[in-house]
Amino acid sequence: MSKIIFYHNPRSRAAMVHWMLEEAGAEYEIRLIDLKKNENRTPEFLALNPMGKVPAILVDGTPITETPAIMAWLADAYPAANLAPPVGSPERGAWYRWLFFGGSCFEPALVDKMFDRPAPRPGALGWGSYEAVLGTLEKGLHPGPYLLGESFSAADIYIGAELNWAMMFGAPGIKDNPVFTNYVDRLTARPAYRRTLPSA
């Protein structure tokens, strides 16, 4: 496999993929995309991702987009990093659950809460409610220390990064919950995460 080309903006979900690349031990080249200059809307970038979003990676000429898809691919491409359970195992199903829970439940519930959008009628939202999402996530972190018990995985990168951002923006029910704060503290102490920070 040739070096991965990583299309990145640090103030986006691409930060999750940056962390994942470091955990995987992958060889990669960063190409920064300036969103303020609409570099994500150029014909060249839209040829990689018609949605015009970062992150994206290019592997041997093949683009891979959407954060959970990139993370799942990296976990399989770098098995020595142990960022996913074996394919076909029951644990793999739990791993998929949490990897996709972030984008399909936690993130939309969080955005609705932060923008103070009024809740529609019960059952209208695929994730139920913000409170239900937080409760599910809190239960998922017991007994811990990670979502899959003793095994750190790509799912922790996705969920941990989202929790970290939620804490920074003062999302209710997160910063005052030690289950979440202790989890984020464990994750952000990891050397691979620290290497992605601007001062690293």
N, C-alpha and C. Protein backbone atom coordinates (compact mmCIF):
# COMPACT_ATOMS: atom_id res chain seq x y z
N MET A 1 0.84 -1.19 0.00
CA MET A 1 0.00 0.00 0.00
C MET A 1 0.88 1.25 0.00
N SER A 2 0.54 2.22 -0.85
CA SER A 2 1.28 3.47 -0.87
C SER A 2 0.85 4.35 0.29
N LYS A 3 1.56 5.45 0.45
CA LYS A 3 1.24 6.39 1.53
C LYS A 3 -0.19 6.91 1.36
N ILE A 4 -0.91 6.99 2.46
CA ILE A 4 -2.28 7.51 2.46
C ILE A 4 -2.23 9.03 2.34
N ILE A 5 -3.05 9.59 1.46
CA ILE A 5 -3.23 11.03 1.39
C ILE A 5 -4.45 11.38 2.24
N PHE A 6 -4.25 12.23 3.19
CA PHE A 6 -5.29 12.58 4.17
C PHE A 6 -5.68 14.04 3.99
N TYR A 7 -6.93 14.25 3.59
CA TYR A 7 -7.47 15.59 3.40
C TYR A 7 -8.09 16.04 4.73
N HIS A 8 -7.52 17.09 5.28
CA HIS A 8 -7.72 17.39 6.69
C HIS A 8 -8.05 18.86 6.93
N ASN A 9 -8.92 19.10 7.88
CA ASN A 9 -9.07 20.41 8.50
C ASN A 9 -9.21 20.13 9.99
N PRO A 10 -8.31 20.66 10.81
CA PRO A 10 -8.32 20.30 12.23
C PRO A 10 -9.56 20.73 13.00
N ARG A 11 -10.33 21.66 12.45
CA ARG A 11 -11.55 22.11 13.13
C ARG A 11 -12.77 21.41 12.52
N SER A 12 -12.65 20.12 12.33
CA SER A 12 -13.72 19.34 11.72
C SER A 12 -13.63 17.90 12.22
N ARG A 13 -14.53 17.06 11.72
CA ARG A 13 -14.49 15.64 12.08
C ARG A 13 -13.20 14.97 11.61
N ALA A 14 -12.48 15.63 10.74
CA ALA A 14 -11.21 15.07 10.28
C ALA A 14 -10.24 14.86 11.44
N ALA A 15 -10.43 15.60 12.55
CA ALA A 15 -9.57 15.40 13.72
C ALA A 15 -9.66 13.97 14.23
N MET A 16 -10.86 13.35 14.10
CA MET A 16 -11.01 11.96 14.52
C MET A 16 -10.13 11.04 13.68
N VAL A 17 -10.13 11.28 12.37
CA VAL A 17 -9.34 10.43 11.46
C VAL A 17 -7.86 10.66 11.69
N HIS A 18 -7.47 11.89 11.98
CA HIS A 18 -6.07 12.16 12.31
C HIS A 18 -5.62 11.31 13.50
N TRP A 19 -6.44 11.30 14.54
CA TRP A 19 -6.16 10.49 15.73
C TRP A 19 -6.11 9.00 15.35
N MET A 20 -7.05 8.57 14.53
CA MET A 20 -7.10 7.18 14.11
C MET A 20 -5.84 6.79 13.33
N LEU A 21 -5.39 7.66 12.44
CA LEU A 21 -4.17 7.39 11.67
C LEU A 21 -2.97 7.21 12.60
N GLU A 22 -2.90 8.03 13.64
CA GLU A 22 -1.80 7.93 14.59
C GLU A 22 -1.89 6.63 15.40
N GLU A 23 -3.10 6.28 15.84
CA GLU A 23 -3.27 5.03 16.59
C GLU A 23 -2.90 3.82 15.72
N ALA A 24 -3.24 3.90 14.44
CA ALA A 24 -2.99 2.78 13.53
C ALA A 24 -1.53 2.64 13.16
N GLY A 25 -0.77 3.71 13.34
CA GLY A 25 0.63 3.68 12.91
C GLY A 25 0.77 3.77 11.40
N ALA A 26 -0.19 4.41 10.76
CA ALA A 26 -0.19 4.50 9.30
C ALA A 26 0.80 5.56 8.81
N GLU A 27 1.29 5.35 7.61
CA GLU A 27 2.11 6.36 6.94
C GLU A 27 1.17 7.22 6.11
N TYR A 28 1.18 8.51 6.35
CA TYR A 28 0.22 9.37 5.66
C TYR A 28 0.80 10.75 5.40
N GLU A 29 0.20 11.41 4.44
CA GLU A 29 0.57 12.78 4.09
C GLU A 29 -0.67 13.66 4.25
N ILE A 30 -0.54 14.72 5.02
CA ILE A 30 -1.67 15.63 5.25
C ILE A 30 -1.76 16.67 4.14
N ARG A 31 -2.95 16.84 3.61
CA ARG A 31 -3.24 17.95 2.70
C ARG A 31 -4.34 18.77 3.36
N LEU A 32 -3.96 19.93 3.86
CA LEU A 32 -4.92 20.78 4.57
C LEU A 32 -5.92 21.39 3.59
N ILE A 33 -7.18 21.37 3.99
CA ILE A 33 -8.26 21.96 3.21
C ILE A 33 -8.80 23.15 3.99
N ASP A 34 -8.66 24.33 3.42
CA ASP A 34 -9.13 25.55 4.06
C ASP A 34 -10.61 25.73 3.75
N LEU A 35 -11.44 25.47 4.74
CA LEU A 35 -12.88 25.55 4.53
C LEU A 35 -13.34 27.00 4.35
N LYS A 36 -12.64 27.94 4.97
CA LYS A 36 -13.02 29.35 4.82
C LYS A 36 -12.79 29.85 3.39
N LYS A 37 -11.84 29.22 2.70
CA LYS A 37 -11.57 29.58 1.31
C LYS A 37 -12.31 28.67 0.33
N ASN A 38 -13.20 27.84 0.88
CA ASN A 38 -14.01 26.92 0.06
C ASN A 38 -13.17 25.95 -0.76
N GLU A 39 -12.02 25.57 -0.21
CA GLU A 39 -11.18 24.60 -0.92
C GLU A 39 -11.84 23.22 -1.00
N ASN A 40 -12.86 23.01 -0.17
CA ASN A 40 -13.63 21.77 -0.23
C ASN A 40 -14.67 21.79 -1.35
N ARG A 41 -14.79 22.92 -2.04
CA ARG A 41 -15.77 23.04 -3.13
C ARG A 41 -15.10 23.11 -4.50
N THR A 42 -13.80 22.92 -4.55
CA THR A 42 -13.11 22.97 -5.84
C THR A 42 -13.44 21.71 -6.65
N PRO A 43 -13.36 21.78 -7.98
CA PRO A 43 -13.61 20.58 -8.79
C PRO A 43 -12.72 19.40 -8.40
N GLU A 44 -11.46 19.71 -8.03
CA GLU A 44 -10.53 18.64 -7.67
C GLU A 44 -10.99 17.91 -6.41
N PHE A 45 -11.42 18.70 -5.41
CA PHE A 45 -11.85 18.04 -4.18
C PHE A 45 -13.20 17.35 -4.36
N LEU A 46 -14.10 17.97 -5.09
CA LEU A 46 -15.41 17.36 -5.31
C LEU A 46 -15.31 16.06 -6.10
N ALA A 47 -14.23 15.89 -6.86
CA ALA A 47 -14.01 14.62 -7.55
C ALA A 47 -13.71 13.51 -6.56
N LEU A 48 -13.13 13.88 -5.41
CA LEU A 48 -12.85 12.92 -4.34
C LEU A 48 -14.09 12.68 -3.49
N ASN A 49 -14.76 13.76 -3.13
CA ASN A 49 -15.94 13.66 -2.29
C ASN A 49 -17.00 14.65 -2.81
N PRO A 50 -17.97 14.15 -3.55
CA PRO A 50 -19.01 15.04 -4.10
C PRO A 50 -19.79 15.81 -3.04
N MET A 51 -19.74 15.35 -1.79
CA MET A 51 -20.40 16.07 -0.70
C MET A 51 -19.61 17.30 -0.27
N GLY A 52 -18.36 17.39 -0.70
CA GLY A 52 -17.55 18.54 -0.34
C GLY A 52 -17.19 18.60 1.12
N LYS A 53 -17.00 17.43 1.74
CA LYS A 53 -16.73 17.40 3.18
C LYS A 53 -15.37 16.78 3.45
N VAL A 54 -14.74 17.23 4.53
CA VAL A 54 -13.60 16.53 5.09
C VAL A 54 -14.09 15.82 6.35
N PRO A 55 -13.45 14.69 6.67
CA PRO A 55 -12.24 14.13 6.09
C PRO A 55 -12.49 13.31 4.83
N ALA A 56 -11.39 13.09 4.13
CA ALA A 56 -11.35 12.12 3.04
C ALA A 56 -9.93 11.58 3.01
N ILE A 57 -9.80 10.35 2.58
CA ILE A 57 -8.46 9.80 2.35
C ILE A 57 -8.41 9.24 0.94
N LEU A 58 -7.21 9.20 0.41
CA LEU A 58 -6.97 8.64 -0.92
C LEU A 58 -5.96 7.52 -0.75
N VAL A 59 -6.37 6.30 -1.15
CA VAL A 59 -5.53 5.12 -0.97
C VAL A 59 -5.33 4.47 -2.34
N ASP A 60 -4.10 4.52 -2.82
CA ASP A 60 -3.80 3.93 -4.14
C ASP A 60 -4.79 4.40 -5.20
N GLY A 61 -5.13 5.68 -5.15
CA GLY A 61 -6.02 6.26 -6.15
C GLY A 61 -7.49 6.13 -5.86
N THR A 62 -7.85 5.43 -4.80
CA THR A 62 -9.26 5.24 -4.44
C THR A 62 -9.64 6.14 -3.27
N PRO A 63 -10.63 7.02 -3.45
CA PRO A 63 -11.05 7.87 -2.33
C PRO A 63 -11.95 7.10 -1.36
N ILE A 64 -11.79 7.39 -0.08
CA ILE A 64 -12.67 6.85 0.96
C ILE A 64 -13.15 8.06 1.77
N THR A 65 -14.47 8.17 1.92
CA THR A 65 -15.05 9.30 2.63
C THR A 65 -16.02 8.80 3.69
N GLU A 66 -16.50 9.73 4.50
CA GLU A 66 -17.38 9.50 5.65
C GLU A 66 -16.55 8.93 6.80
N THR A 67 -16.55 9.65 7.90
CA THR A 67 -15.66 9.33 9.02
C THR A 67 -15.76 7.89 9.50
N PRO A 68 -16.95 7.34 9.79
CA PRO A 68 -16.98 5.95 10.26
C PRO A 68 -16.44 4.96 9.22
N ALA A 69 -16.69 5.24 7.94
CA ALA A 69 -16.19 4.35 6.89
C ALA A 69 -14.67 4.39 6.84
N ILE A 70 -14.10 5.58 6.95
CA ILE A 70 -12.64 5.71 6.95
C ILE A 70 -12.05 4.98 8.15
N MET A 71 -12.67 5.15 9.31
CA MET A 71 -12.14 4.52 10.52
C MET A 71 -12.26 3.00 10.46
N ALA A 72 -13.36 2.51 9.93
CA ALA A 72 -13.52 1.06 9.79
C ALA A 72 -12.49 0.50 8.82
N TRP A 73 -12.26 1.22 7.72
CA TRP A 73 -11.27 0.75 6.74
C TRP A 73 -9.88 0.73 7.38
N LEU A 74 -9.52 1.79 8.08
CA LEU A 74 -8.20 1.85 8.71
C LEU A 74 -8.01 0.74 9.75
N ALA A 75 -9.06 0.46 10.51
CA ALA A 75 -8.96 -0.60 11.52
C ALA A 75 -8.65 -1.94 10.86
N ASP A 76 -9.26 -2.20 9.70
CA ASP A 76 -9.02 -3.46 9.00
C ASP A 76 -7.69 -3.46 8.26
N ALA A 77 -7.28 -2.28 7.77
CA ALA A 77 -6.04 -2.19 7.00
C ALA A 77 -4.80 -2.29 7.89
N TYR A 78 -4.96 -1.99 9.18
CA TYR A 78 -3.85 -2.02 10.13
C TYR A 78 -4.22 -2.89 11.32
N PRO A 79 -4.36 -4.20 11.10
CA PRO A 79 -4.85 -5.08 12.17
C PRO A 79 -3.92 -5.16 13.38
N ALA A 80 -2.65 -4.92 13.18
CA ALA A 80 -1.71 -5.00 14.30
C ALA A 80 -2.00 -3.95 15.37
N ALA A 81 -2.71 -2.90 15.00
CA ALA A 81 -3.03 -1.85 15.97
C ALA A 81 -4.18 -2.24 16.89
N ASN A 82 -4.88 -3.33 16.57
CA ASN A 82 -5.99 -3.83 17.42
C ASN A 82 -7.04 -2.77 17.70
N LEU A 83 -7.49 -2.09 16.66
CA LEU A 83 -8.51 -1.05 16.81
C LEU A 83 -9.91 -1.54 16.50
N ALA A 84 -10.05 -2.84 16.24
CA ALA A 84 -11.36 -3.44 16.00
C ALA A 84 -11.29 -4.92 16.35
N PRO A 85 -12.38 -5.49 16.86
CA PRO A 85 -12.42 -6.93 17.10
C PRO A 85 -12.40 -7.70 15.78
N PRO A 86 -12.12 -9.00 15.83
CA PRO A 86 -12.08 -9.79 14.60
C PRO A 86 -13.42 -9.78 13.85
N VAL A 87 -13.32 -9.77 12.53
CA VAL A 87 -14.53 -9.84 11.70
C VAL A 87 -15.29 -11.13 12.01
N GLY A 88 -16.59 -11.02 12.17
CA GLY A 88 -17.43 -12.19 12.45
C GLY A 88 -17.62 -12.48 13.92
N SER A 89 -16.86 -11.81 14.79
CA SER A 89 -17.01 -12.06 16.23
C SER A 89 -18.19 -11.25 16.76
N PRO A 90 -18.82 -11.71 17.86
CA PRO A 90 -19.89 -10.91 18.47
C PRO A 90 -19.42 -9.53 18.88
N GLU A 91 -18.16 -9.44 19.32
CA GLU A 91 -17.62 -8.14 19.72
C GLU A 91 -17.56 -7.17 18.54
N ARG A 92 -17.38 -7.74 17.34
CA ARG A 92 -17.36 -6.88 16.16
C ARG A 92 -18.71 -6.19 15.97
N GLY A 93 -19.78 -6.90 16.25
CA GLY A 93 -21.11 -6.30 16.16
C GLY A 93 -21.28 -5.16 17.14
N ALA A 94 -20.79 -5.34 18.37
CA ALA A 94 -20.85 -4.27 19.37
C ALA A 94 -20.00 -3.09 18.93
N TRP A 95 -18.87 -3.38 18.32
CA TRP A 95 -17.98 -2.32 17.83
C TRP A 95 -18.67 -1.50 16.75
N TYR A 96 -19.32 -2.18 15.79
CA TYR A 96 -20.06 -1.45 14.76
C TYR A 96 -21.15 -0.58 15.40
N ARG A 97 -21.81 -1.14 16.38
CA ARG A 97 -22.89 -0.39 17.03
C ARG A 97 -22.38 0.97 17.52
N TRP A 98 -21.28 0.96 18.26
CA TRP A 98 -20.79 2.21 18.84
C TRP A 98 -20.14 3.10 17.80
N LEU A 99 -19.49 2.52 16.81
CA LEU A 99 -18.87 3.32 15.76
C LEU A 99 -19.92 4.14 15.02
N PHE A 100 -21.09 3.53 14.78
CA PHE A 100 -22.15 4.23 14.04
C PHE A 100 -23.12 4.98 14.95
N PHE A 101 -23.13 4.66 16.23
CA PHE A 101 -23.97 5.38 17.19
C PHE A 101 -23.60 6.87 17.23
N GLY A 102 -22.31 7.15 17.12
CA GLY A 102 -21.85 8.53 17.19
C GLY A 102 -22.52 9.42 16.16
N GLY A 103 -22.47 9.01 14.90
CA GLY A 103 -23.03 9.82 13.83
C GLY A 103 -24.53 9.74 13.67
N SER A 104 -25.10 8.61 14.05
CA SER A 104 -26.54 8.41 13.81
C SER A 104 -27.42 8.77 15.00
N CYS A 105 -26.84 8.80 16.19
CA CYS A 105 -27.63 9.10 17.39
C CYS A 105 -27.05 10.26 18.19
N PHE A 106 -25.80 10.11 18.65
CA PHE A 106 -25.25 11.11 19.56
C PHE A 106 -25.11 12.48 18.89
N GLU A 107 -24.52 12.53 17.71
CA GLU A 107 -24.28 13.82 17.07
C GLU A 107 -25.58 14.57 16.73
N PRO A 108 -26.56 13.92 16.08
CA PRO A 108 -27.79 14.69 15.80
C PRO A 108 -28.54 15.11 17.06
N ALA A 109 -28.52 14.26 18.08
CA ALA A 109 -29.18 14.64 19.34
C ALA A 109 -28.46 15.83 19.98
N LEU A 110 -27.13 15.81 19.92
CA LEU A 110 -26.33 16.89 20.49
C LEU A 110 -26.56 18.20 19.74
N VAL A 111 -26.59 18.14 18.42
CA VAL A 111 -26.80 19.36 17.62
C VAL A 111 -28.17 19.95 17.92
N ASP A 112 -29.19 19.10 17.98
CA ASP A 112 -30.53 19.61 18.31
C ASP A 112 -30.55 20.29 19.67
N LYS A 113 -29.86 19.67 20.64
CA LYS A 113 -29.84 20.24 21.99
C LYS A 113 -29.10 21.57 22.02
N MET A 114 -27.94 21.63 21.36
CA MET A 114 -27.13 22.84 21.42
C MET A 114 -27.79 24.01 20.69
N PHE A 115 -28.58 23.70 19.65
CA PHE A 115 -29.29 24.76 18.92
C PHE A 115 -30.69 25.00 19.47
N ASP A 116 -31.00 24.30 20.56
CA ASP A 116 -32.27 24.48 21.25
C ASP A 116 -33.47 24.29 20.31
N ARG A 117 -33.36 23.27 19.48
CA ARG A 117 -34.46 22.99 18.57
C ARG A 117 -35.59 22.31 19.34
N PRO A 118 -36.81 22.73 19.14
CA PRO A 118 -37.91 22.12 19.88
C PRO A 118 -38.09 20.65 19.51
N ALA A 119 -38.35 19.84 20.50
CA ALA A 119 -38.55 18.41 20.26
C ALA A 119 -39.86 18.18 19.53
N PRO A 120 -39.85 17.39 18.46
CA PRO A 120 -41.10 17.07 17.79
C PRO A 120 -41.90 16.04 18.59
N ARG A 121 -42.97 15.58 18.02
CA ARG A 121 -43.78 14.58 18.71
C ARG A 121 -42.94 13.34 19.03
N PRO A 122 -43.26 12.62 20.11
CA PRO A 122 -42.51 11.42 20.46
C PRO A 122 -42.48 10.42 19.30
N GLY A 123 -41.31 9.86 19.07
CA GLY A 123 -41.16 8.87 18.01
C GLY A 123 -40.78 9.45 16.66
N ALA A 124 -40.76 10.78 16.54
CA ALA A 124 -40.45 11.40 15.25
C ALA A 124 -38.95 11.38 14.95
N LEU A 125 -38.12 11.29 15.98
CA LEU A 125 -36.67 11.29 15.79
C LEU A 125 -36.13 9.88 15.89
N GLY A 126 -35.21 9.56 15.00
CA GLY A 126 -34.63 8.21 14.99
C GLY A 126 -33.84 7.88 16.24
N TRP A 127 -33.36 8.89 16.95
CA TRP A 127 -32.56 8.64 18.16
C TRP A 127 -33.37 8.80 19.43
N GLY A 128 -34.63 9.10 19.33
CA GLY A 128 -35.48 9.23 20.52
C GLY A 128 -35.38 10.60 21.13
N SER A 129 -34.46 10.77 22.07
CA SER A 129 -34.28 12.06 22.73
C SER A 129 -32.83 12.20 23.18
N TYR A 130 -32.43 13.41 23.46
CA TYR A 130 -31.08 13.68 23.96
C TYR A 130 -30.82 12.90 25.24
N GLU A 131 -31.80 12.90 26.14
CA GLU A 131 -31.65 12.21 27.42
C GLU A 131 -31.49 10.70 27.22
N ALA A 132 -32.25 10.15 26.27
CA ALA A 132 -32.14 8.71 26.00
C ALA A 132 -30.77 8.37 25.42
N VAL A 133 -30.26 9.23 24.56
CA VAL A 133 -28.94 9.00 23.96
C VAL A 133 -27.86 9.04 25.03
N LEU A 134 -27.89 10.06 25.90
CA LEU A 134 -26.89 10.14 26.97
C LEU A 134 -26.99 8.95 27.92
N GLY A 135 -28.21 8.56 28.25
CA GLY A 135 -28.39 7.41 29.13
C GLY A 135 -27.84 6.13 28.53
N THR A 136 -28.07 5.94 27.24
CA THR A 136 -27.56 4.76 26.54
C THR A 136 -26.04 4.76 26.54
N LEU A 137 -25.45 5.91 26.27
CA LEU A 137 -23.99 6.01 26.24
C LEU A 137 -23.39 5.79 27.62
N GLU A 138 -24.02 6.35 28.65
CA GLU A 138 -23.51 6.15 30.00
C GLU A 138 -23.53 4.67 30.39
N LYS A 139 -24.63 3.99 30.06
CA LYS A 139 -24.70 2.54 30.34
C LYS A 139 -23.64 1.79 29.56
N GLY A 140 -23.37 2.24 28.32
CA GLY A 140 -22.37 1.57 27.50
C GLY A 140 -20.97 1.68 28.03
N LEU A 141 -20.74 2.68 28.87
CA LEU A 141 -19.40 2.87 29.45
C LEU A 141 -19.23 2.16 30.79
N HIS A 142 -20.20 1.35 31.17
CA HIS A 142 -20.08 0.50 32.35
C HIS A 142 -19.87 -0.93 31.90
N PRO A 143 -18.92 -1.70 32.41
CA PRO A 143 -18.02 -1.29 33.50
C PRO A 143 -16.80 -0.50 33.03
N GLY A 144 -16.62 -0.37 31.71
CA GLY A 144 -15.48 0.38 31.20
C GLY A 144 -14.20 -0.44 31.26
N PRO A 145 -13.04 0.17 31.11
CA PRO A 145 -12.84 1.61 30.93
C PRO A 145 -13.18 2.13 29.52
N TYR A 146 -13.47 1.18 28.59
CA TYR A 146 -13.78 1.57 27.21
C TYR A 146 -15.14 1.02 26.81
N LEU A 147 -15.59 1.38 25.63
CA LEU A 147 -16.90 0.92 25.18
C LEU A 147 -16.97 -0.60 25.04
N LEU A 148 -15.83 -1.22 24.72
CA LEU A 148 -15.78 -2.68 24.62
C LEU A 148 -15.08 -3.27 25.83
N GLY A 149 -15.29 -2.67 26.98
CA GLY A 149 -14.69 -3.19 28.21
C GLY A 149 -13.22 -2.81 28.31
N GLU A 150 -12.35 -3.81 28.35
CA GLU A 150 -10.92 -3.55 28.50
C GLU A 150 -10.24 -3.17 27.20
N SER A 151 -10.93 -3.30 26.08
CA SER A 151 -10.29 -3.10 24.77
C SER A 151 -10.58 -1.73 24.19
N PHE A 152 -9.54 -0.91 24.05
CA PHE A 152 -9.66 0.37 23.35
C PHE A 152 -9.83 0.07 21.86
N SER A 153 -10.68 0.86 21.19
CA SER A 153 -10.93 0.63 19.77
C SER A 153 -11.24 1.93 19.05
N ALA A 154 -11.42 1.81 17.74
CA ALA A 154 -11.79 2.97 16.92
C ALA A 154 -13.10 3.59 17.38
N ALA A 155 -13.99 2.78 17.94
CA ALA A 155 -15.25 3.32 18.43
C ALA A 155 -15.02 4.33 19.55
N ASP A 156 -14.00 4.09 20.36
CA ASP A 156 -13.68 5.04 21.43
C ASP A 156 -13.16 6.36 20.86
N ILE A 157 -12.43 6.27 19.76
CA ILE A 157 -11.95 7.50 19.13
C ILE A 157 -13.14 8.35 18.68
N TYR A 158 -14.10 7.71 18.02
CA TYR A 158 -15.25 8.46 17.50
C TYR A 158 -16.09 9.04 18.64
N ILE A 159 -16.50 8.20 19.56
CA ILE A 159 -17.35 8.66 20.66
C ILE A 159 -16.59 9.60 21.58
N GLY A 160 -15.34 9.27 21.87
CA GLY A 160 -14.55 10.11 22.76
C GLY A 160 -14.32 11.51 22.20
N ALA A 161 -14.05 11.60 20.91
CA ALA A 161 -13.86 12.91 20.29
C ALA A 161 -15.14 13.73 20.35
N GLU A 162 -16.27 13.08 20.10
CA GLU A 162 -17.54 13.81 20.16
C GLU A 162 -17.87 14.26 21.58
N LEU A 163 -17.61 13.42 22.56
CA LEU A 163 -17.82 13.82 23.95
C LEU A 163 -16.90 14.98 24.33
N ASN A 164 -15.66 14.92 23.87
CA ASN A 164 -14.72 15.99 24.17
C ASN A 164 -15.21 17.32 23.61
N TRP A 165 -15.68 17.31 22.37
CA TRP A 165 -16.22 18.54 21.77
C TRP A 165 -17.46 19.02 22.52
N ALA A 166 -18.32 18.06 22.90
CA ALA A 166 -19.54 18.42 23.63
C ALA A 166 -19.19 19.11 24.94
N MET A 167 -18.15 18.61 25.62
CA MET A 167 -17.72 19.24 26.87
C MET A 167 -17.19 20.64 26.62
N MET A 168 -16.43 20.83 25.55
CA MET A 168 -15.87 22.14 25.24
C MET A 168 -16.97 23.17 24.99
N PHE A 169 -18.07 22.71 24.38
CA PHE A 169 -19.16 23.63 24.04
C PHE A 169 -20.24 23.69 25.13
N GLY A 170 -19.99 23.02 26.26
CA GLY A 170 -20.89 23.13 27.40
C GLY A 170 -22.21 22.41 27.23
N ALA A 171 -22.21 21.29 26.51
CA ALA A 171 -23.46 20.53 26.33
C ALA A 171 -23.97 20.04 27.68
N PRO A 172 -25.24 20.18 27.96
CA PRO A 172 -25.78 19.78 29.27
C PRO A 172 -25.68 18.27 29.49
N GLY A 173 -25.45 17.93 30.76
CA GLY A 173 -25.44 16.52 31.15
C GLY A 173 -24.15 15.78 30.86
N ILE A 174 -23.13 16.47 30.37
CA ILE A 174 -21.88 15.79 30.00
C ILE A 174 -20.73 16.21 30.90
N LYS A 175 -20.46 17.51 30.97
CA LYS A 175 -19.30 17.98 31.72
C LYS A 175 -19.43 17.72 33.21
N ASP A 176 -20.66 17.59 33.70
CA ASP A 176 -20.86 17.34 35.13
C ASP A 176 -21.06 15.86 35.44
N ASN A 177 -20.83 15.01 34.46
CA ASN A 177 -21.01 13.57 34.65
C ASN A 177 -19.63 12.90 34.67
N PRO A 178 -19.18 12.38 35.82
CA PRO A 178 -17.84 11.80 35.90
C PRO A 178 -17.63 10.59 35.00
N VAL A 179 -18.69 9.89 34.65
CA VAL A 179 -18.53 8.77 33.71
C VAL A 179 -17.96 9.29 32.40
N PHE A 180 -18.50 10.40 31.91
CA PHE A 180 -18.05 10.97 30.65
C PHE A 180 -16.71 11.69 30.80
N THR A 181 -16.55 12.48 31.85
CA THR A 181 -15.31 13.25 32.00
C THR A 181 -14.11 12.34 32.23
N ASN A 182 -14.28 11.29 33.04
CA ASN A 182 -13.17 10.36 33.28
C ASN A 182 -12.79 9.60 32.01
N TYR A 183 -13.81 9.25 31.23
CA TYR A 183 -13.58 8.55 29.96
C TYR A 183 -12.79 9.45 29.01
N VAL A 184 -13.21 10.69 28.86
CA VAL A 184 -12.51 11.61 27.96
C VAL A 184 -11.09 11.86 28.47
N ASP A 185 -10.90 11.99 29.76
CA ASP A 185 -9.55 12.18 30.31
C ASP A 185 -8.65 11.01 29.96
N ARG A 186 -9.16 9.79 30.06
CA ARG A 186 -8.36 8.61 29.71
C ARG A 186 -7.96 8.66 28.23
N LEU A 187 -8.91 9.01 27.39
CA LEU A 187 -8.65 8.97 25.95
C LEU A 187 -7.68 10.07 25.52
N THR A 188 -7.89 11.27 26.03
CA THR A 188 -7.06 12.39 25.59
C THR A 188 -5.65 12.36 26.20
N ALA A 189 -5.41 11.42 27.10
CA ALA A 189 -4.06 11.22 27.63
C ALA A 189 -3.25 10.27 26.75
N ARG A 190 -3.89 9.65 25.78
CA ARG A 190 -3.19 8.69 24.93
C ARG A 190 -2.15 9.40 24.07
N PRO A 191 -0.95 8.80 23.92
CA PRO A 191 0.10 9.45 23.12
C PRO A 191 -0.33 9.75 21.68
N ALA A 192 -1.09 8.84 21.06
CA ALA A 192 -1.51 9.09 19.68
C ALA A 192 -2.39 10.32 19.58
N TYR A 193 -3.28 10.51 20.54
CA TYR A 193 -4.11 11.71 20.55
C TYR A 193 -3.25 12.95 20.74
N ARG A 194 -2.31 12.90 21.68
CA ARG A 194 -1.47 14.06 21.97
C ARG A 194 -0.66 14.47 20.74
N ARG A 195 -0.28 13.49 19.92
CA ARG A 195 0.52 13.81 18.73
C ARG A 195 -0.28 14.59 17.68
N THR A 196 -1.59 14.57 17.77
CA THR A 196 -2.40 15.29 16.78
C THR A 196 -2.65 16.74 17.16
N LEU A 197 -2.27 17.13 18.37
CA LEU A 197 -2.54 18.49 18.83
C LEU A 197 -1.59 19.48 18.15
N PRO A 198 -2.02 20.71 17.95
CA PRO A 198 -1.19 21.70 17.23
C PRO A 198 0.19 21.90 17.82
N SER A 199 0.30 21.80 19.14
CA SER A 199 1.59 22.04 19.79
C SER A 199 2.49 20.81 19.80
N ALA A 200 1.94 19.67 19.31
CA ALA A 200 2.73 18.42 19.36
C ALA A 200 3.90 18.47 18.39
